[in-house]
Amino acid sequence: MSKGKVRHMFPGGNTSQGFFSYYDYIITQEEADRIICIKGGPGVGKSTFMKKIGNQVLDMGYNLEFMHCSSDNDSLDGVVIPELKVALLDGTAPHVVVF
């Protein structure tokens, strides 16, 4: 089985006009089969957890979208598996997605 492809995106940005967010457009409730919100304080492993799941899914041959944090490129705000219609999202502020 071949490895899946990865897209890297920034769903938010610190701009000259303030913070701009595309978080509401990552995946909709109607489109998704499952949305998993992960909450926790800084440094508890949210990004590491999402990276590990993402890499496992890639090895299974699924395509993946890594949503990077605008203020820390090594940190993830979310992982989306489009073919499975599944998203893992950081649910702590300021990564607020309205459901």
Protein backbone atom coordinates (compact mmCIF):
# COMPACT_ATOMS: atom_id res chain seq x y z
CA MET A 1 0.00 0.00 0.00
CA SER A 2 1.36 3.43 -0.91
CA LYS A 3 1.66 6.21 1.61
CA GLY A 4 -0.95 9.00 1.56
CA LYS A 5 -0.28 12.59 0.55
CA VAL A 6 -0.05 15.53 2.95
CA ARG A 7 -1.35 19.09 2.63
CA HIS A 8 -0.01 21.68 5.07
CA MET A 9 -2.25 24.67 5.82
CA PHE A 10 -2.59 27.60 8.20
CA PRO A 11 -6.29 28.06 9.12
CA GLY A 12 -5.54 31.25 11.04
CA GLY A 13 -3.19 34.14 10.76
CA ASN A 14 -1.89 37.10 12.71
CA THR A 15 -2.32 39.93 10.22
CA SER A 16 -1.93 43.70 10.26
CA GLN A 17 -5.71 43.84 10.83
CA GLY A 18 -5.68 41.38 13.73
CA PHE A 19 -6.21 37.64 13.90
CA PHE A 20 -7.98 36.15 10.88
CA SER A 21 -9.63 32.75 11.14
CA TYR A 22 -10.66 30.07 8.64
CA TYR A 23 -11.27 27.55 11.44
CA ASP A 24 -14.99 27.43 10.68
CA TYR A 25 -14.17 26.25 7.13
CA ILE A 26 -11.89 23.30 8.02
CA ILE A 27 -14.81 20.86 7.97
CA THR A 28 -18.52 21.36 8.65
CA GLN A 29 -20.67 19.21 10.91
CA GLU A 30 -22.81 18.28 7.93
CA GLU A 31 -19.76 17.17 5.95
CA ALA A 32 -17.98 15.31 8.78
CA ASP A 33 -18.72 11.86 10.10
CA ARG A 34 -16.71 12.65 13.23
CA ILE A 35 -15.11 15.75 14.74
CA ILE A 36 -12.93 15.19 17.77
CA CYS A 37 -12.02 18.27 19.84
CA ILE A 38 -8.91 17.90 21.96
CA LYS A 39 -8.49 20.22 24.95
CA GLY A 40 -5.66 20.67 27.37
CA GLY A 41 -3.11 23.13 28.64
CA PRO A 42 0.07 24.15 26.86
CA GLY A 43 2.63 21.37 26.57
CA VAL A 44 0.39 18.42 27.50
CA GLY A 45 0.80 16.72 24.09
CA LYS A 46 -2.16 17.75 21.92
CA SER A 47 0.02 18.40 18.84
CA THR A 48 2.14 15.31 19.44
CA PHE A 49 -1.00 13.18 19.73
CA MET A 50 -2.43 14.59 16.48
CA LYS A 51 0.91 14.15 14.66
CA LYS A 52 1.13 10.50 15.73
CA ILE A 53 -2.41 9.76 14.58
CA GLY A 54 -1.76 11.64 11.33
CA ASN A 55 1.38 9.65 10.60
CA GLN A 56 -0.42 6.37 11.28
CA VAL A 57 -3.21 7.37 8.89
CA LEU A 58 -0.63 8.34 6.22
CA ASP A 59 0.99 4.92 6.56
CA MET A 60 -2.44 3.37 5.98
CA GLY A 61 -2.59 5.18 2.61
CA TYR A 62 -5.05 7.97 3.43
CA ASN A 63 -4.47 11.59 2.44
CA LEU A 64 -4.10 14.03 5.29
CA GLU A 65 -4.38 17.75 5.98
CA PHE A 66 -2.20 19.18 8.75
CA MET A 67 -3.56 22.48 10.13
CA HIS A 68 -0.58 24.38 11.54
CA CYS A 69 -0.66 27.01 14.26
CA SER A 70 0.02 30.51 12.93
CA SER A 71 2.16 31.45 15.93
CA ASP A 72 4.12 28.15 16.18
CA ASN A 73 4.81 26.16 12.99
CA ASP A 74 5.70 23.03 14.97
CA SER A 75 2.35 23.06 16.76
CA LEU A 76 -0.81 21.65 15.15
CA ASP A 77 -4.28 23.13 15.42
CA GLY A 78 -5.84 20.16 13.68
CA VAL A 79 -5.62 17.10 11.46
CA VAL A 80 -8.22 16.30 8.80
CA ILE A 81 -8.64 12.94 7.06
CA PRO A 82 -10.87 13.92 4.09
CA GLU A 83 -11.58 10.39 2.83
CA LEU A 84 -12.80 9.29 6.26
CA LYS A 85 -14.56 12.63 6.91
CA VAL A 86 -12.80 12.85 10.28
CA ALA A 87 -11.13 15.80 11.97
CA LEU A 88 -9.12 16.11 15.17
CA LEU A 89 -9.07 19.73 16.29
CA ASP A 90 -7.43 21.64 19.11
CA GLY A 91 -10.43 22.88 21.10
CA THR A 92 -8.57 25.33 23.34
CA ALA A 93 -8.67 29.09 22.81
CA PRO A 94 -8.05 30.78 20.44
CA HIS A 95 -8.80 27.76 18.20
CA VAL A 96 -12.53 28.15 18.65
CA VAL A 97 -14.76 26.38 16.16
CA VAL A 98 -18.49 27.08 16.51
CA PHE A 99 -20.70 23.99 16.33
